[in-house]
Protein backbone atom coordinates (compact mmCIF):
# COMPACT_ATOMS: atom_id res chain seq x y z
CA MET A 1 0.00 -0.02 0.02
CA LYS A 2 1.21 3.48 -0.85
CA SER A 3 0.45 4.92 2.27
CA LEU A 4 2.65 2.54 4.17
CA TYR A 5 5.61 4.55 3.09
CA THR A 6 4.69 7.47 5.29
CA LEU A 7 3.98 5.00 8.19
CA TYR A 8 7.62 3.51 7.80
CA ILE A 9 8.96 7.24 8.08
CA ALA A 10 7.06 7.81 11.11
CA LEU A 11 8.10 4.68 12.91
CA PHE A 12 11.81 5.67 12.00
CA ALA A 13 11.36 9.10 13.16
CA ALA A 14 9.73 7.80 16.49
CA ILE A 15 13.28 6.42 17.44
CA GLY A 16 14.02 10.00 18.49
CA THR A 17 11.05 10.12 20.77
CA PHE A 18 11.93 6.60 22.05
CA LEU A 19 15.21 7.73 23.19
CA PHE A 20 13.60 10.44 25.22
CA GLY A 21 11.19 7.94 26.85
CA PHE A 22 14.18 5.35 27.51
CA ASP A 23 16.82 7.66 28.67
CA THR A 24 14.45 9.51 30.99
CA GLY A 25 13.23 6.14 32.61
CA ILE A 26 16.49 4.24 32.71
CA ALA A 27 18.36 6.82 34.94
CA THR A 28 16.11 5.91 38.01
CA THR A 29 17.05 2.37 37.68
CA THR A 30 20.71 3.06 37.25
CA ILE A 31 21.20 5.10 40.19
CA ALA A 32 19.38 2.63 42.49
CA HIS A 33 21.92 0.07 41.73
CA GLN A 34 24.47 -0.45 44.84
CA SER A 35 27.03 -1.20 42.16
CA TRP A 36 26.66 2.28 40.58
CA ILE A 37 26.71 3.88 43.95
CA THR A 38 29.89 2.12 45.07
CA TYR A 39 31.53 2.79 41.68
CA MET A 40 30.69 6.35 41.68
CA ASP A 41 32.46 6.79 45.27
CA ASN A 42 29.02 7.04 47.12
CA PRO A 43 27.79 10.32 45.68
CA SER A 44 26.06 12.72 47.85
CA ASN A 45 22.14 13.04 47.69
CA ALA A 46 22.69 16.39 45.98
CA LEU A 47 24.77 14.66 43.23
CA THR A 48 22.46 11.66 42.84
CA GLY A 49 19.59 14.25 42.34
CA ALA A 50 21.73 16.21 39.82
CA VAL A 51 21.48 13.13 37.47
CA VAL A 52 17.81 13.94 36.87
CA SER A 53 18.09 17.91 37.40
CA VAL A 54 20.90 18.34 34.70
CA TYR A 55 19.18 15.95 32.28
CA ILE A 56 15.93 18.03 32.53
CA ALA A 57 17.95 21.18 32.17
CA GLY A 58 19.50 19.78 28.98
CA GLU A 59 16.14 19.02 27.61
CA ALA A 60 15.06 22.45 28.15
CA ILE A 61 18.11 23.83 26.39
CA GLY A 62 17.66 21.35 23.55
CA ALA A 63 14.10 22.60 23.01
CA LEU A 64 15.03 26.24 23.24
CA THR A 65 17.95 25.45 20.75
CA GLN A 66 15.12 24.33 18.24
CA THR A 67 13.56 27.74 18.48
CA ALA A 68 16.84 29.49 17.36
CA VAL A 69 18.28 27.30 14.76
CA ALA A 70 15.76 24.42 13.60
CA ASP A 71 14.24 26.80 10.84
CA LYS A 72 17.54 27.70 9.47
CA LEU A 73 18.95 24.18 9.50
CA GLY A 74 15.47 22.43 8.28
CA ARG A 75 13.90 19.51 10.09
CA LYS A 76 16.17 16.73 8.81
CA ARG A 77 19.63 18.50 9.50
CA PHE A 78 18.64 19.49 13.01
CA MET A 79 17.47 16.07 13.94
CA GLN A 80 20.81 14.68 12.45
CA ILE A 81 22.72 17.09 14.77
CA MET A 82 20.66 15.83 17.75
CA CYS A 83 21.43 12.34 16.65
CA VAL A 84 25.12 13.01 16.85
CA ILE A 85 24.83 14.68 20.24
CA VAL A 86 22.76 11.99 21.86
CA THR A 87 25.18 9.28 20.53
CA VAL A 88 27.98 11.10 22.14
CA GLY A 89 26.03 11.56 25.37
CA THR A 90 24.94 8.05 25.78
CA VAL A 91 28.53 6.79 25.13
CA ILE A 92 29.86 9.12 27.69
CA GLN A 93 27.26 7.63 30.19
CA THR A 94 28.08 4.23 29.54
CA ALA A 95 31.73 4.73 29.77
CA SER A 96 31.60 6.97 32.67
CA VAL A 97 34.51 6.53 35.33
CA ASN A 98 33.32 9.07 37.74
CA ILE A 99 30.19 11.19 38.59
CA GLY A 100 31.44 14.25 36.74
CA MET A 101 31.72 12.28 33.53
CA PHE A 102 28.36 10.61 34.10
CA LEU A 103 26.70 13.99 34.64
CA ALA A 104 28.30 15.50 31.53
CA GLY A 105 26.80 12.55 29.46
CA ARG A 106 23.40 13.09 31.16
CA ALA A 107 23.61 16.74 30.10
CA LEU A 108 24.35 16.12 26.43
CA ALA A 109 21.87 13.34 26.11
CA GLY A 110 19.23 15.74 27.61
CA ILE A 111 20.08 18.47 25.01
CA ALA A 112 19.63 15.86 22.37
CA VAL A 113 16.50 14.38 23.30
CA GLY A 114 14.81 17.67 24.17
CA GLY A 115 15.49 18.82 20.72
CA LEU A 116 14.30 15.51 19.02
CA VAL A 117 11.06 15.27 21.07
CA ALA A 118 10.03 18.86 20.05
CA THR A 119 11.05 18.20 16.43
CA VAL A 120 9.60 14.96 15.58
CA PRO A 121 6.07 15.72 16.07
CA VAL A 122 6.65 18.91 13.90
CA TYR A 123 8.34 16.97 11.21
CA LEU A 124 5.66 14.10 11.08
CA SER A 125 2.79 16.57 11.06
CA GLU A 126 4.35 18.31 7.98
CA ILE A 127 4.39 15.09 6.03
CA SER A 128 1.12 13.58 7.04
CA ALA A 129 -2.05 13.42 5.05
CA PRO A 130 -4.84 15.38 6.79
CA SER A 131 -6.90 12.17 7.19
CA GLN A 132 -3.87 10.28 8.75
CA ARG A 133 -2.17 12.91 10.71
CA GLY A 134 -3.45 11.68 14.02
CA LEU A 135 -1.90 8.21 13.17
CA ILE A 136 1.32 9.47 11.66
CA GLY A 137 1.87 12.27 14.06
CA GLY A 138 0.72 10.16 17.20
CA ILE A 139 3.55 7.74 16.56
CA SER A 140 5.88 10.33 17.97
CA GLY A 141 4.06 9.95 21.42
CA CYS A 142 4.08 6.09 21.17
CA GLY A 143 7.59 6.33 20.95
CA ILE A 144 7.91 7.95 24.20
CA SER A 145 5.66 5.20 25.91
CA PHE A 146 7.50 2.37 24.12
CA GLY A 147 10.76 4.04 25.57
CA THR A 148 9.11 4.23 29.04
CA MET A 149 8.07 0.48 28.95
CA ALA A 150 11.38 -0.77 27.49
CA SER A 151 13.39 1.13 30.29
CA ASN A 152 11.34 -0.41 33.05
CA TRP A 153 11.59 -4.07 31.85
CA VAL A 154 15.31 -3.67 30.82
CA GLY A 155 15.97 -2.09 34.29
CA MET A 156 14.22 -5.08 35.99
CA ALA A 157 16.20 -7.62 33.93
CA CYS A 158 19.51 -6.08 34.64
CA GLY A 159 18.81 -6.08 38.43
CA TYR A 160 19.35 -9.85 38.03
CA ALA A 161 22.97 -9.39 36.44
CA PRO A 162 25.98 -10.21 38.51
CA TYR A 163 27.06 -7.50 40.90
CA GLY A 164 29.15 -5.00 39.29
CA PRO A 165 29.19 -2.22 36.54
CA VAL A 166 27.32 -4.43 33.92
CA GLN A 167 24.06 -3.96 35.98
CA TRP A 168 24.08 -0.29 35.18
CA ARG A 169 26.47 -0.08 32.00
CA LEU A 170 24.40 -2.45 29.88
CA PRO A 171 21.05 -0.64 30.03
CA LEU A 172 22.84 2.61 29.36
CA GLY A 173 24.75 1.11 26.49
CA ILE A 174 21.40 -0.13 24.81
CA GLN A 175 20.68 3.43 23.85
CA ILE A 176 23.99 3.96 21.83
CA PRO A 177 23.13 2.47 18.45
CA TRP A 178 19.71 4.34 17.94
CA GLY A 179 20.97 7.70 17.41
CA ALA A 180 23.14 6.18 14.66
CA VAL A 181 20.34 4.27 13.03
CA LEU A 182 18.04 7.44 13.08
CA PHE A 183 20.97 9.45 11.53
CA ILE A 184 21.39 6.92 8.70
CA GLY A 185 17.50 7.00 8.09
CA LEU A 186 17.54 10.80 7.80
CA ALA A 187 20.55 10.62 5.55
CA THR A 188 19.07 8.14 3.17
CA PHE A 189 15.30 7.59 2.72
CA MET A 190 13.53 10.05 4.93
CA PRO A 191 12.29 12.84 3.00
CA ASN A 192 12.52 16.68 3.73
CA SER A 193 9.34 18.48 4.90
CA PRO A 194 7.84 19.92 1.72
CA ARG A 195 6.36 22.82 3.69
CA GLN A 196 9.78 23.65 5.27
CA LEU A 197 11.31 23.60 1.72
CA ILE A 198 8.50 25.86 0.35
CA ARG A 199 9.16 28.36 3.26
CA SER A 200 12.89 28.16 2.29
CA ALA A 201 12.06 29.07 -1.53
CA LYS A 202 12.97 25.46 -2.64
CA VAL A 203 9.83 24.86 -4.52
CA GLU A 204 10.94 22.43 -7.13
CA GLN A 205 12.56 20.38 -4.25
CA ALA A 206 9.50 20.58 -2.34
CA LEU A 207 7.42 19.30 -5.29
CA THR A 208 9.68 16.34 -5.65
CA GLU A 209 9.41 15.44 -1.91
CA PHE A 210 5.73 16.06 -1.83
CA VAL A 211 5.06 13.67 -4.78
CA GLN A 212 7.29 11.13 -3.08
CA ILE A 213 5.53 11.39 0.14
CA ARG A 214 1.95 11.51 -1.02
CA ARG A 215 1.75 8.37 -3.16
CA ASP A 216 -1.87 8.07 -2.21
CA LEU A 217 -2.83 10.94 -4.55
CA THR A 218 -3.51 10.95 -8.20
CA ASP A 219 -1.56 13.41 -10.39
CA HIS A 220 -4.65 15.94 -10.25
CA GLU A 221 -5.17 15.56 -6.62
CA ALA A 222 -1.41 16.03 -6.00
CA GLN A 223 -1.31 19.31 -8.08
CA GLU A 224 -4.44 20.79 -6.37
CA GLU A 225 -3.24 19.96 -2.77
CA PHE A 226 0.49 21.02 -3.47
CA ASN A 227 -0.70 24.46 -5.15
CA LEU A 228 -3.04 25.13 -2.21
CA MET A 229 -0.11 24.29 0.46
CA ARG A 230 2.12 26.49 -1.46
CA GLU A 231 -0.25 29.40 -1.87
CA GLN A 232 -0.97 29.39 1.84
CA ILE A 233 2.55 29.19 2.98
CA GLU A 234 3.55 32.08 0.64
CA PHE A 235 0.82 34.08 1.77
CA GLU A 236 1.82 33.63 5.50
CA MET A 237 5.19 34.55 4.40
CA GLN A 238 4.11 38.03 3.48
CA ARG A 239 3.89 38.71 7.20
CA GLU A 240 7.09 36.85 8.08
CA VAL A 241 7.70 36.57 11.99
CA LEU A 242 11.13 37.29 13.22
CA THR A 243 10.50 38.03 16.84
CA TYR A 244 8.32 36.62 19.71
CA ARG A 245 6.70 40.16 20.05
CA GLU A 246 5.56 39.60 16.43
CA THR A 247 4.62 35.95 17.08
CA PHE A 248 2.30 36.87 19.92
CA HIS A 249 0.96 39.96 18.15
CA LEU A 250 -0.07 38.04 14.99
CA PHE A 251 -0.54 34.50 16.18
CA ARG A 252 -1.33 35.04 19.86
CA ARG A 253 -4.05 32.35 20.28
CA ARG A 254 -2.25 29.80 18.39
CA ALA A 255 1.06 30.30 20.20
CA LEU A 256 -0.83 30.35 23.63
CA VAL A 257 -2.82 27.05 22.72
CA SER A 258 0.49 25.17 21.72
CA ILE A 259 2.27 26.22 24.97
CA ALA A 260 -0.86 25.57 27.08
CA VAL A 261 -1.27 22.13 25.83
CA GLN A 262 2.28 21.15 26.73
CA THR A 263 2.12 22.74 30.12
CA MET A 264 -1.13 20.95 30.68
CA THR A 265 0.58 17.66 30.47
CA ALA A 266 2.96 18.57 33.31
CA VAL A 267 0.38 19.68 35.80
CA THR A 268 -1.63 16.44 35.46
CA GLY A 269 0.89 15.13 37.91
CA VAL A 270 2.02 12.22 35.48
CA ASN A 271 5.66 12.45 36.28
CA VAL A 272 4.87 12.40 40.17
CA ILE A 273 2.78 9.21 39.74
CA GLN A 274 5.42 7.70 37.14
CA VAL A 275 8.27 8.33 39.53
CA SER A 276 6.19 6.94 42.44
CA ILE A 277 6.31 3.32 41.09
CA LYS A 278 9.92 3.43 40.27
CA ILE A 279 12.02 1.21 42.48
CA PHE A 280 12.98 2.49 45.82
CA ARG A 281 15.90 0.72 47.65
CA LEU A 282 14.82 -0.75 51.02
CA GLY A 283 17.52 -0.64 53.79
CA SER A 284 19.73 1.49 51.61
CA ASN A 285 21.31 4.84 52.67
CA ILE A 286 20.53 6.50 49.35
CA LEU A 287 16.75 7.37 49.05
CA THR A 288 16.12 8.15 45.38
CA ARG A 289 12.30 8.68 45.75
CA SER A 290 9.84 8.32 48.52
CA ASN A 291 6.22 9.20 48.54
CA SER A 292 2.79 7.72 49.24
CA GLN A 293 2.93 4.90 46.66
CA ALA A 294 6.10 3.71 48.11
CA THR A 295 4.59 3.57 51.59
CA LEU A 296 1.51 1.91 50.14
CA TYR A 297 3.53 -0.83 48.44
CA LYS A 298 5.59 -1.29 51.54
CA ALA A 299 2.11 -1.62 53.77
CA LEU A 300 0.99 -4.23 51.18
CA GLY A 301 4.06 -6.28 51.73
CA ILE A 302 5.26 -5.83 48.30
CA GLY A 303 8.93 -6.53 47.75
CA THR A 304 11.55 -4.58 45.62
CA THR A 305 11.38 -7.38 42.80
CA THR A 306 7.70 -7.03 42.52
CA ILE A 307 7.74 -3.34 42.44
CA LEU A 308 10.13 -3.65 39.53
CA ALA A 309 7.62 -5.83 37.89
CA LEU A 310 4.72 -3.45 38.69
CA SER A 311 6.91 -0.73 37.19
CA GLY A 312 7.21 -2.80 33.97
CA VAL A 313 3.56 -3.41 33.86
CA TYR A 314 2.90 0.28 34.20
CA GLY A 315 5.06 0.94 31.21
CA THR A 316 3.34 -1.95 29.21
CA ILE A 317 -0.14 -0.45 29.81
CA ALA A 318 1.12 2.92 28.96
CA PHE A 319 2.42 1.65 25.68
CA SER A 320 -0.63 -0.58 24.84
CA THR A 321 -3.42 1.98 25.46
CA ASN A 322 -1.32 4.77 23.69
CA LEU A 323 -0.84 2.49 20.57
CA LEU A 324 -4.65 1.65 20.53
CA THR A 325 -5.88 4.93 20.60
CA THR A 326 -3.40 6.33 18.26
CA LEU A 327 -4.65 3.63 15.67
CA PHE A 328 -8.21 3.78 16.34
CA LEU A 329 -9.39 7.08 17.97
CA THR A 330 -7.14 10.18 17.28
CA ASP A 331 -8.24 10.57 13.47
CA GLN A 332 -11.55 9.02 13.95
CA TRP A 333 -12.80 10.82 17.18
CA GLY A 334 -10.78 14.04 16.94
CA ARG A 335 -8.07 15.83 19.28
CA ARG A 336 -10.18 18.01 21.08
CA LYS A 337 -12.56 15.27 22.26
CA MET A 338 -9.64 13.43 23.54
CA ILE A 339 -8.01 16.20 25.41
CA LEU A 340 -11.26 16.91 27.21
CA ALA A 341 -12.00 13.21 27.76
CA GLY A 342 -8.42 12.78 29.06
CA LEU A 343 -8.64 16.05 31.52
CA GLY A 344 -12.22 14.99 32.72
CA GLY A 345 -10.90 11.48 33.26
CA ILE A 346 -7.83 12.51 35.38
CA VAL A 347 -10.01 14.77 37.57
CA VAL A 348 -12.18 11.79 38.49
CA ILE A 349 -9.36 9.34 38.78
CA GLU A 350 -7.06 11.57 40.99
CA ILE A 351 -9.97 12.25 43.39
CA TYR A 352 -10.41 8.66 43.64
CA ALA A 353 -6.81 7.81 44.17
CA ALA A 354 -6.64 10.55 46.92
CA ILE A 355 -9.69 9.22 48.75
CA MET A 356 -8.54 5.54 48.42
CA GLN A 357 -5.10 6.21 49.84
CA ARG A 358 -6.59 8.44 52.67
CA GLU A 359 -8.86 5.56 53.70
CA PHE A 360 -6.67 2.59 53.35
CA GLN A 361 -3.00 3.48 53.18
CA ASN A 362 -2.55 2.94 56.97
CA SER A 363 -5.16 0.43 57.69
CA ASP A 364 -4.92 -3.48 57.66
CA LYS A 365 -7.44 -3.87 54.72
CA GLN A 366 -5.55 -5.42 52.08
CA VAL A 367 -8.47 -5.50 49.44
CA GLY A 368 -8.92 -1.54 50.06
CA LYS A 369 -5.16 -1.13 49.77
CA GLY A 370 -5.39 -3.06 46.22
CA PHE A 371 -8.07 -0.61 45.09
CA ALA A 372 -5.81 2.33 46.08
CA VAL A 373 -3.07 0.96 43.84
CA LEU A 374 -5.62 0.49 41.00
CA GLY A 375 -5.86 4.20 40.95
CA ILE A 376 -2.21 4.52 39.58
CA TYR A 377 -3.30 2.10 36.68
CA LEU A 378 -6.45 3.82 35.95
CA PHE A 379 -4.49 7.05 35.55
CA VAL A 380 -2.03 5.52 33.03
CA VAL A 381 -4.75 4.31 30.75
CA VAL A 382 -6.44 7.69 30.70
CA TYR A 383 -3.14 9.79 30.34
CA TYR A 384 -1.44 7.64 27.85
CA GLY A 385 -4.56 6.74 26.14
CA MET A 386 -6.06 10.07 25.70
CA LEU A 387 -3.19 12.78 26.25
CA ASN A 388 0.26 11.55 25.59
CA SER A 389 0.20 11.43 21.75
CA THR A 390 -2.61 13.81 21.30
CA THR A 391 -0.93 16.82 22.99
CA TRP A 392 2.59 16.34 21.30
CA LEU A 393 0.72 16.28 17.81
CA TYR A 394 -1.94 19.04 18.79
CA GLY A 395 0.63 21.40 19.95
CA ALA A 396 2.60 21.18 16.61
CA GLU A 397 -0.36 21.25 14.09
CA VAL A 398 -2.03 24.32 15.63
CA LEU A 399 0.87 26.48 14.64
CA PRO A 400 1.54 28.20 11.23
CA ILE A 401 4.66 27.16 9.59
CA ALA A 402 6.32 30.60 10.17
CA ILE A 403 6.42 30.03 13.99
CA ARG A 404 5.99 26.24 14.20
CA SER A 405 9.62 25.42 15.29
CA LYS A 406 10.05 28.52 17.49
CA VAL A 407 6.86 28.15 19.51
CA MET A 408 6.91 24.17 19.56
CA GLY A 409 10.48 24.53 21.03
CA LEU A 410 9.14 27.12 23.70
CA ALA A 411 6.19 24.81 24.42
CA ALA A 412 8.43 21.80 24.96
CA ALA A 413 10.66 23.84 27.29
CA SER A 414 7.83 24.86 29.33
CA HIS A 415 6.76 21.17 29.63
CA PHE A 416 10.34 20.38 30.88
CA ILE A 417 10.53 23.28 33.31
CA VAL A 418 7.15 22.80 34.80
CA ASN A 419 7.71 19.25 35.09
CA VAL A 420 10.99 19.40 37.10
CA GLY A 421 9.26 21.81 39.52
CA ILE A 422 6.45 19.50 40.07
CA THR A 423 8.50 16.38 40.40
CA GLU A 424 11.06 17.73 42.67
CA ALA A 425 8.30 19.13 44.95
CA GLY A 426 6.69 15.70 45.00
CA PRO A 427 8.64 13.91 47.94
CA SER A 428 8.24 16.97 50.30
CA ALA A 429 4.58 17.51 49.17
CA PHE A 430 3.71 13.99 49.85
CA ALA A 431 5.47 14.10 53.27
CA THR A 432 3.63 17.33 54.28
CA ILE A 433 0.17 16.90 52.84
CA LYS A 434 0.29 13.47 51.80
CA GLU A 435 -2.50 12.25 49.28
CA ASN A 436 -3.82 15.81 49.21
CA TYR A 437 -1.04 16.63 46.64
CA TYR A 438 -3.35 15.02 44.19
CA TYR A 439 -5.88 17.75 44.61
CA VAL A 440 -3.55 20.32 43.44
CA PHE A 441 -3.40 18.39 40.02
CA VAL A 442 -7.04 17.92 40.05
CA GLY A 443 -7.46 21.85 40.33
CA CYS A 444 -5.11 22.36 37.57
CA ALA A 445 -6.79 19.74 35.29
CA VAL A 446 -10.01 21.60 35.96
CA VAL A 447 -8.56 24.87 34.90
CA PHE A 448 -7.08 23.48 31.79
CA PHE A 449 -10.39 21.55 30.94
CA THR A 450 -12.12 24.80 31.11
CA ILE A 451 -9.39 26.60 28.86
CA ALA A 452 -9.56 23.56 26.33
CA TYR A 453 -13.33 23.62 26.23
CA PHE A 454 -13.62 27.19 25.05
CA TYR A 455 -10.27 27.80 23.20
CA PHE A 456 -9.12 24.59 21.69
CA PRO A 457 -10.68 24.03 18.13
CA GLU A 458 -10.81 20.65 16.36
CA THR A 459 -8.10 19.84 13.78
CA LYS A 460 -8.91 16.43 12.63
CA GLY A 461 -9.32 16.08 8.86
CA ARG A 462 -7.83 19.50 7.98
CA SER A 463 -4.74 20.15 6.33
CA LEU A 464 -2.11 22.16 8.30
CA GLU A 465 -3.13 25.07 6.16
CA GLN A 466 -6.69 24.87 6.81
CA ILE A 467 -6.30 24.73 10.42
CA ALA A 468 -5.79 28.53 10.08
CA GLU A 469 -9.40 28.87 9.58
CA ALA A 470 -10.26 27.44 12.99
CA PHE A 471 -8.38 30.21 14.57
CA GLY A 472 -9.93 32.94 12.49
CA ASP A 473 -6.88 33.33 10.05
CA LYS A 474 -7.22 33.71 6.39
CA VAL A 475 -7.11 30.56 4.47
CA VAL A 476 -6.15 30.82 0.59
CA THR A 477 -8.62 29.05 -1.63
CA THR A 478 -8.57 28.15 -5.40
CA ALA A 479 -10.69 31.05 -6.21
CA ASP A 480 -7.80 33.29 -4.44
CA GLN A 481 -5.17 31.44 -6.72
CA TRP A 482 -7.25 32.37 -9.96
CA ASP A 483 -7.54 36.03 -8.93
CA ARG A 484 -3.80 36.28 -9.12
CA ALA A 485 -2.37 37.66 -12.44
CA SER A 486 -1.66 34.87 -14.83
CA ALA A 487 1.70 36.27 -15.63
CA SER A 488 2.75 36.35 -12.01
CA ARG A 489 1.51 32.77 -11.44
CA GLN A 490 3.57 31.50 -14.33
CA SER A 491 6.72 33.29 -13.38
CA LYS A 492 6.56 31.62 -9.94
CA SER A 493 4.90 28.32 -10.59
CA VAL A 494 6.70 24.91 -10.91
CA ALA A 495 4.99 22.45 -13.42
CA MET A 496 3.40 19.28 -11.81
CA PRO A 497 4.74 16.09 -13.31
CA GLY A 498 2.45 14.25 -15.45
CA ALA A 499 0.76 10.76 -14.50
CA GLU A 500 3.64 8.83 -15.79
CA GLU A 501 6.26 10.78 -14.02
CA LEU A 502 4.18 10.54 -10.87
CA GLU A 503 4.09 6.92 -11.15
CA SER A 504 7.81 6.71 -11.65
CA ARG A 505 8.63 8.94 -8.73
CA ALA A 506 6.22 7.03 -6.51
CA SER A 507 7.87 3.84 -7.28
CA LEU A 508 11.33 4.81 -6.23
């Protein structure tokens, strides 16, 4: 099938988001191994915490780097640079001989995955057909959840390795080849974004790439869609945006929606809950994370090995639900409905989790404690099923191409910065207000549900250029094209290939 070509591209591009999910998750397992603690000469709690903090700081830097240079370099070239950086970063982590070297590798890897996770949804949204953009763009989110699942199971498996550096070097080393694999794909068969090429005045190359990507179209359909896409982009380029002041003056609502949807995911509390089921070391003098879930698991008599398995189950549920909704819901039901359903579900589930933990955490009722644990897994179904892929895609597709990289990088940076604040506050918050910390996330979810209901338009089934209409911006139509002077059109136009040439290119 011709549409499979775009699917293959999406699966390859998702290596970038897989690295984000895997490298984020594997660190918690790594710093929990006594062999790592001993090898690193018993680092202080501050240095151990820095393993997470320098990584997230790197992610924010990588996302902000996208805002500065991604448009100049192009989607492919920028991702190739990030592939090189992530490979260097993972090699340094794996080969580390002291904590300073390890932290340097974490920082470099963070920069790379921050740039990749913000760019992959942009790239995939720009090469997708309108009818399949939920699937193709949503695969970027599936890459994150697959990386999370893989890191959990790899962390568990390596816990059975003989005591020594292999326990923590092996899972870190698993990351090394993937940056090179993605680099090779980008350098060989993966196309440039036709939209980015038009914006860079490379219309002939854009046409070639568009025909190669959209193999599902006839020659007439390809000509019509390409012309409309080109006309809209050239119309938007007449008011080229160079500064953030111009961005928020011309496209305020669209920019704020993109930033809001990324901030929204952070304040659902997903990282707090996700970290809460990571392993904690019983009897260790290094406490990596401690909160109400850890206390709950201890009260249930769950041992460290079982907690590792529960972490793997959590990741498996996350990926499975994420994949199913991406395949069968995002394009069919729509982004707006999924965001509203996800936020509404999170409100109900976090209230349930708070009540169950308050009632049963310190009791001797094992069945009640089991229902309290159930809240964690209900949360993962709703979050990964409704929000994970949808929000990364939606944040990219609502933006016009003039500001897509700039604002998407800013939105991703806001996601990382807010996440680190909420996550770092978690242990203290659970120690002070216990399960009532969930009500903070409930309040945030209610606020964002209200914002989404009134300000988030539906984008399914529309081309990226047609989405402008949902925000009240002008969309160029076929009639607008014919209103232009014939001479002007001919001087700027690029002839579409005939049917035979289209078939020839599509067969490449």
